Protein backbone atom coordinates (compact mmCIF):
# COMPACT_ATOMS: atom_id res chain seq x y z
CA MET A 1 89.22 124.74 -0.29
CA GLY A 2 89.98 123.76 -3.84
CA GLY A 3 93.54 122.72 -4.50
CA TYR A 4 94.98 121.67 -7.82
CA LYS A 5 91.67 120.68 -9.42
CA ASN A 6 89.96 124.05 -8.99
CA GLU A 7 87.16 122.46 -6.98
CA GLY A 8 86.75 125.40 -4.63
CA PHE A 9 88.00 128.83 -3.70
CA VAL A 10 89.53 130.87 -0.90
CA GLU A 11 87.90 134.08 0.28
CA VAL A 12 89.67 136.27 2.82
CA LEU A 13 87.28 137.76 5.38
CA ALA A 14 88.64 140.63 7.45
CA ALA A 15 87.62 141.58 10.96
CA GLN A 16 85.06 144.37 10.76
CA GLN A 17 82.70 146.62 12.68
CA SER A 18 79.10 147.21 11.63
CA PRO A 19 76.00 149.05 12.90
CA GLU A 20 74.67 145.68 14.11
CA ASN A 21 77.93 144.74 15.84
CA PRO A 22 80.37 147.55 16.70
CA ASN A 23 82.95 145.14 18.18
CA TRP A 24 85.96 143.59 16.51
CA PHE A 25 86.36 139.80 16.75
CA GLN A 26 86.31 138.89 20.43
CA GLY A 27 87.71 135.37 19.98
CA THR A 28 87.75 132.35 17.69
CA ALA A 29 84.07 131.52 18.11
CA ASP A 30 82.99 135.14 17.78
CA ALA A 31 84.95 135.46 14.52
CA VAL A 32 82.98 132.55 13.06
CA ARG A 33 79.69 133.83 14.51
CA GLN A 34 80.05 137.23 12.86
CA TYR A 35 80.31 135.57 9.44
CA LEU A 36 77.70 132.83 9.89
CA TRP A 37 75.38 134.72 7.55
CA LEU A 38 77.90 134.10 4.78
CA PHE A 39 78.91 130.55 5.72
CA GLU A 40 75.35 129.23 5.87
CA GLU A 41 74.78 130.20 2.23
CA HIS A 42 77.01 127.33 1.13
CA ASN A 43 75.56 123.86 0.73
CA VAL A 44 78.02 122.04 3.00
CA LEU A 45 77.72 119.38 5.69
CA GLU A 46 80.56 120.42 7.98
CA PHE A 47 82.79 123.34 8.86
CA LEU A 48 86.54 122.76 9.33
CA VAL A 49 87.87 125.25 11.89
CA LEU A 50 91.63 125.83 11.70
CA ALA A 51 94.14 128.09 13.43
CA GLY A 52 96.42 130.38 11.47
CA ASP A 53 99.43 130.15 13.79
CA HIS A 54 100.09 126.39 13.81
CA LEU A 55 102.74 124.49 11.88
CA TYR A 56 101.83 120.91 10.88
CA ARG A 57 100.79 118.74 7.94
CA MET A 58 97.48 116.90 8.24
CA ASP A 59 95.25 115.02 5.82
CA TYR A 60 91.98 116.83 6.50
CA GLU A 61 90.04 114.30 4.42
CA LYS A 62 90.79 111.60 7.01
CA PHE A 63 89.87 114.01 9.80
CA ILE A 64 86.47 114.73 8.24
CA GLN A 65 85.91 111.04 7.44
CA ALA A 66 86.47 110.12 11.09
CA HIS A 67 83.92 112.78 12.08
CA ARG A 68 81.33 111.20 9.79
CA GLU A 69 82.08 107.61 10.74
CA THR A 70 81.55 108.30 14.46
CA ASP A 71 78.40 110.33 13.78
CA ALA A 72 79.90 113.14 15.85
CA ASP A 73 78.52 116.62 16.33
CA ILE A 74 82.05 117.95 16.82
CA THR A 75 85.43 116.29 16.34
CA VAL A 76 88.52 117.73 18.03
CA ALA A 77 92.03 117.03 16.73
CA ALA A 78 94.16 115.76 19.61
CA LEU A 79 97.88 115.32 20.20
CA PRO A 80 99.27 112.50 22.36
CA MET A 81 101.35 113.91 25.22
CA ASP A 82 103.84 112.69 27.78
CA GLU A 83 103.62 113.89 31.38
CA LYS A 84 106.35 116.52 30.99
CA ARG A 85 104.62 118.42 28.16
CA ALA A 86 101.04 117.80 29.27
CA THR A 87 101.08 120.49 31.97
CA ALA A 88 101.40 123.20 29.31
CA PHE A 89 98.24 122.23 27.39
CA GLY A 90 94.51 121.94 27.70
CA LEU A 91 93.89 118.22 28.19
CA MET A 92 90.90 116.04 27.37
CA LYS A 93 89.59 112.81 28.85
CA ILE A 94 87.80 110.26 26.67
CA ASP A 95 85.65 107.19 27.17
CA GLU A 96 86.18 103.79 25.55
CA GLU A 97 84.63 105.06 22.28
CA GLY A 98 86.89 108.10 22.01
CA ARG A 99 84.14 110.47 23.10
CA ILE A 100 85.36 113.48 25.08
CA ILE A 101 83.89 113.57 28.57
CA GLU A 102 86.10 116.03 30.46
CA PHE A 103 88.42 119.01 29.93
CA ALA A 104 91.22 120.40 32.11
CA GLU A 105 93.32 123.49 31.37
CA LYS A 106 97.04 122.98 32.15
CA PRO A 107 96.48 120.63 35.11
CA LYS A 108 99.23 119.73 37.58
CA GLY A 109 99.72 117.19 40.36
CA GLU A 110 96.72 115.02 41.12
CA ALA A 111 94.60 116.93 38.61
CA LEU A 112 97.07 115.92 35.91
CA LYS A 113 97.04 112.24 36.92
CA ALA A 114 93.24 112.29 36.77
CA MET A 115 93.41 113.18 33.06
CA LYS A 116 95.30 110.02 32.02
CA VAL A 117 93.59 108.07 29.24
CA ASP A 118 94.13 104.86 27.31
CA THR A 119 95.44 106.29 24.04
CA THR A 120 95.31 102.88 22.35
CA ILE A 121 91.60 103.70 21.92
CA LEU A 122 92.68 106.37 19.43
CA GLY A 123 95.17 104.19 17.60
CA LEU A 124 98.51 104.32 19.45
CA ASP A 125 100.36 101.05 19.97
CA ASP A 126 100.91 99.76 23.51
CA VAL A 127 104.46 101.11 23.81
CA ARG A 128 103.57 104.61 22.61
CA ALA A 129 100.41 104.61 24.70
CA LYS A 130 102.45 104.09 27.88
CA GLU A 131 104.79 106.93 26.90
CA MET A 132 101.92 109.24 25.92
CA PRO A 133 99.00 108.74 28.35
CA TYR A 134 97.49 112.21 27.81
CA ILE A 135 95.79 113.92 24.88
CA ALA A 136 95.83 117.68 24.26
CA SER A 137 93.50 119.71 22.09
CA MET A 138 95.13 121.16 18.97
CA GLY A 139 92.47 123.85 18.61
CA ILE A 140 91.36 122.30 15.29
CA TYR A 141 87.77 121.15 14.85
CA VAL A 142 85.25 119.61 12.46
CA VAL A 143 81.77 120.88 13.33
CA SER A 144 78.57 119.76 11.63
CA LYS A 145 76.86 122.73 10.00
CA ASN A 146 73.57 122.54 11.90
CA VAL A 147 75.50 122.08 15.16
CA MET A 148 77.64 125.17 14.51
CA LEU A 149 74.59 127.33 13.82
CA ASP A 150 72.79 126.02 16.92
CA LEU A 151 75.76 126.44 19.26
CA LEU A 152 76.80 129.93 18.23
CA ARG A 153 73.32 131.42 17.79
CA GLU A 154 71.09 129.56 20.23
CA LYS A 155 72.95 127.60 22.89
CA PHE A 156 75.96 129.88 23.55
CA PRO A 157 75.34 133.25 21.85
CA GLY A 158 77.73 135.01 24.23
CA ALA A 159 80.63 132.54 23.99
CA ASN A 160 83.74 133.99 22.35
CA ASP A 161 86.18 131.07 22.31
CA PHE A 162 85.84 127.55 20.92
CA GLY A 163 88.41 125.85 23.14
CA SER A 164 87.41 127.20 26.54
CA GLU A 165 83.68 127.85 26.05
CA VAL A 166 81.93 126.34 23.03
CA ILE A 167 83.49 122.86 22.96
CA PRO A 168 83.20 122.20 26.74
CA GLY A 169 79.69 123.67 26.57
CA ALA A 170 78.71 121.27 23.80
CA THR A 171 79.94 118.36 25.93
CA SER A 172 77.98 119.60 28.95
CA ILE A 173 74.67 119.58 27.05
CA GLY A 174 75.17 116.04 25.79
CA MET A 175 76.44 116.59 22.27
CA ARG A 176 78.73 113.94 20.81
CA VAL A 177 82.22 115.44 20.85
CA GLN A 178 84.86 113.02 19.57
CA ALA A 179 88.66 113.08 19.72
CA TYR A 180 90.70 112.44 16.57
CA LEU A 181 94.34 111.50 17.16
CA TYR A 182 97.04 113.29 15.17
CA ASP A 183 100.45 111.77 15.85
CA GLY A 184 102.67 113.93 13.64
CA TYR A 185 104.73 117.11 13.96
CA TRP A 186 102.75 120.05 15.32
CA GLU A 187 103.87 123.36 16.75
CA ASP A 188 102.01 126.44 17.89
CA ILE A 189 104.01 129.36 16.45
CA GLY A 190 101.90 132.13 17.93
CA THR A 191 104.82 133.59 19.92
CA ILE A 192 108.12 135.08 18.76
CA GLU A 193 110.10 132.30 20.48
CA ALA A 194 108.01 129.48 18.96
CA PHE A 195 108.09 131.10 15.50
CA TYR A 196 111.87 131.45 15.72
CA ASN A 197 112.43 127.88 16.95
CA ALA A 198 110.12 126.35 14.34
CA ASN A 199 111.91 128.10 11.48
CA LEU A 200 115.39 127.25 12.74
CA GLY A 201 114.22 123.69 13.31
CA ILE A 202 114.08 123.04 9.56
CA THR A 203 117.87 123.37 9.41
CA LYS A 204 118.31 120.28 11.60
CA LYS A 205 118.86 117.72 8.88
CA PRO A 206 121.78 115.60 7.64
CA VAL A 207 124.34 117.77 5.89
CA PRO A 208 125.43 116.74 2.37
CA ASP A 209 129.03 115.63 1.90
CA PHE A 210 129.68 118.93 0.14
CA SER A 211 127.83 122.04 1.25
CA PHE A 212 128.62 125.75 1.17
CA TYR A 213 126.42 126.38 4.19
CA ASP A 214 126.46 124.68 7.57
CA HIS A 215 123.01 123.53 8.76
CA SER A 216 121.25 126.38 6.95
CA VAL A 217 118.46 126.88 4.43
CA ILE A 218 119.02 129.47 1.70
CA GLY A 219 116.08 130.90 -0.26
CA GLU A 220 116.01 131.66 -3.97
CA GLY A 221 117.46 134.83 -5.45
CA CYS A 222 119.82 135.62 -2.58
CA VAL A 223 122.98 137.70 -3.09
CA ILE A 224 125.59 136.36 -0.68
CA LYS A 225 129.18 137.61 -0.75
CA ASN A 226 132.06 135.93 1.11
CA CYS A 227 130.29 135.66 4.47
CA LYS A 228 129.65 133.00 7.12
CA ILE A 229 126.19 131.51 7.65
CA HIS A 230 125.52 128.92 10.35
CA HIS A 231 122.25 127.33 11.51
CA SER A 232 120.12 130.00 9.85
CA VAL A 233 117.21 130.38 7.45
CA ILE A 234 117.86 132.95 4.72
CA GLY A 235 114.73 134.21 2.96
CA LEU A 236 113.97 135.17 -0.62
CA ARG A 237 116.10 137.97 -2.15
CA SER A 238 118.28 138.41 0.94
CA CYS A 239 121.48 140.42 0.43
CA ILE A 240 124.43 139.67 2.72
CA SER A 241 127.69 141.59 2.27
CA GLU A 242 131.33 140.61 2.66
CA GLY A 243 132.60 139.66 6.09
CA ALA A 244 129.15 139.31 7.64
CA ILE A 245 128.46 136.51 10.13
CA ILE A 246 124.92 135.14 10.42
CA GLU A 247 124.27 132.63 13.24
CA ASP A 248 121.05 131.10 14.60
CA THR A 249 119.06 133.70 12.70
CA LEU A 250 115.88 133.91 10.63
CA LEU A 251 116.36 136.40 7.80
CA MET A 252 112.98 137.08 6.18
CA GLY A 253 114.43 138.51 2.96
CA ALA A 254 113.11 141.35 0.81
CA ASP A 255 110.15 142.18 -1.40
CA TYR A 256 112.36 143.67 -4.11
CA TYR A 257 115.97 144.18 -5.21
CA GLU A 258 117.92 147.41 -5.17
CA THR A 259 120.19 147.88 -8.17
CA ASP A 260 123.92 148.51 -7.79
CA ALA A 261 123.23 152.11 -8.78
CA ASP A 262 120.60 152.38 -6.02
CA ARG A 263 123.00 150.98 -3.46
CA ARG A 264 125.82 153.33 -4.51
CA PHE A 265 123.40 156.27 -4.35
CA LEU A 266 122.29 155.32 -0.84
CA ALA A 267 125.89 154.86 0.30
CA ALA A 268 126.84 158.28 -1.07
CA LYS A 269 124.00 159.83 0.94
CA GLY A 270 125.14 158.05 4.08
CA SER A 271 122.09 155.80 4.07
CA VAL A 272 121.97 151.99 4.20
CA PRO A 273 120.88 149.60 1.43
CA ILE A 274 118.52 146.68 2.05
CA GLY A 275 120.23 143.65 3.57
CA ILE A 276 123.14 142.96 5.89
CA GLY A 277 126.11 145.31 5.66
CA LYS A 278 129.82 144.49 5.58
CA ASN A 279 131.38 142.87 8.67
CA SER A 280 128.11 142.83 10.60
CA HIS A 281 127.43 140.04 13.09
CA ILE A 282 123.85 138.80 13.60
CA LYS A 283 123.15 136.09 16.18
CA ARG A 284 119.88 134.63 17.56
CA ALA A 285 117.67 137.15 15.80
CA ILE A 286 114.75 137.58 13.43
CA ILE A 287 115.33 140.17 10.70
CA ASP A 288 112.02 141.10 9.08
CA LYS A 289 111.55 141.99 5.41
CA ASN A 290 113.31 144.94 3.76
CA ALA A 291 115.36 145.71 6.87
CA ARG A 292 118.52 147.76 6.34
CA ILE A 293 121.41 146.68 8.54
CA GLY A 294 124.48 148.89 8.21
CA GLU A 295 128.17 147.98 8.26
CA ASN A 296 129.92 146.73 11.43
CA VAL A 297 126.60 146.25 13.22
CA LYS A 298 126.46 143.73 16.08
CA ILE A 299 123.05 142.24 16.88
CA ILE A 300 124.13 139.64 19.41
CA ASN A 301 122.29 140.57 22.64
CA GLY A 302 125.52 140.30 24.59
CA ASP A 303 123.79 141.34 27.83
CA ASN A 304 121.16 138.59 27.42
CA VAL A 305 118.24 141.01 27.67
CA GLN A 306 114.97 139.05 27.70
CA GLU A 307 112.39 141.75 27.04
CA ALA A 308 112.77 145.23 25.51
CA ALA A 309 110.40 147.46 23.54
CA ARG A 310 112.57 149.55 21.21
CA GLU A 311 110.34 149.85 18.17
CA PRO A 312 111.26 153.54 17.60
CA ASP A 313 114.83 152.29 17.14
CA GLY A 314 113.72 149.56 14.76
CA TYR A 315 113.70 146.49 16.98
CA PHE A 316 112.31 144.74 20.04
CA ILE A 317 113.39 141.79 22.18
CA LYS A 318 111.13 138.96 23.36
CA SER A 319 112.31 135.78 25.10
CA GLY A 320 115.88 136.91 24.43
CA ILE A 321 115.35 136.96 20.65
CA VAL A 322 116.08 140.27 18.92
CA THR A 323 113.54 141.07 16.20
CA VAL A 324 114.36 143.84 13.72
CA ILE A 325 111.03 145.07 12.40
CA LYS A 326 109.98 145.36 8.75
CA ASP A 327 111.58 148.26 6.81
CA ALA A 328 113.72 149.20 9.82
CA LEU A 329 117.09 150.91 9.45
CA ILE A 330 119.88 149.97 11.84
CA PRO A 331 122.76 152.46 11.35
CA SER A 332 126.34 151.33 10.81
CA GLY A 333 128.26 150.64 14.00
CA THR A 334 125.15 149.93 16.09
CA VAL A 335 125.45 147.35 18.88
CA ILE A 336 122.28 145.63 20.11
């Protein structure tokens, strides 16, 4: 990765099928394995393996430096956990040098107690260490190049997943697998509910003495007309008409604007322009890009439906959150 000094590049590698391997990616480790032929061409010492559905801010330079200083084969980023949250994660146990010696997937009861560790070893102070006596894997790794090639090609050629197969396997054959403590904000946003909560979470900040919008974040280029917006994130180029109410909602915005002439033309045809129509009420929802919400629409999930697959109608519901899909059209007067 380069950054501002143009010291590197980013190349997007898509999942693929080939005569040698007719299968799509079967997991995180398999995705890396299928492109090892490309990765090994680069003169690098380590590979940094990251997930695409996590929200956090980490200094990777310090992460890699810790890997080198401990002479590790693999270093796993770890989050400190209290007992309440620990049962939802894959936990790790370490020795007095921070070396990982045991794994447990979402343990409970006595199995959970057995995974307690002294987190002062990884840098927590005594008070925080008592509050957070567990460490969970973040699914982020530094792997030495020769180790990666050996593990995926020789030691575990059939393993598909790093977290459940490759990393525990490396520990079992005596490789040095170290934990690296990350004690900042981190959230897995791989589900609709987590994605929604993480986005709405950025609105929880002190409100200025004078503000048009209550606990909301408004993107650039929005067209907002005499409406109410509360605890919502409004994306780039969003259009919200008069009388609309937006609450607890993530509005993804639009890829382009429609001119006033376009909007009048659509209205004359009985169609719906991009954005939120007049007097519509949107609550606890995700509205994807370029969606067309008509006038007097209510997307409020008044019946508290938790799961519904209504993609032909332009939306679905997961964990009680209504998601209007990209480019969908919700006709005027619709109640969801």
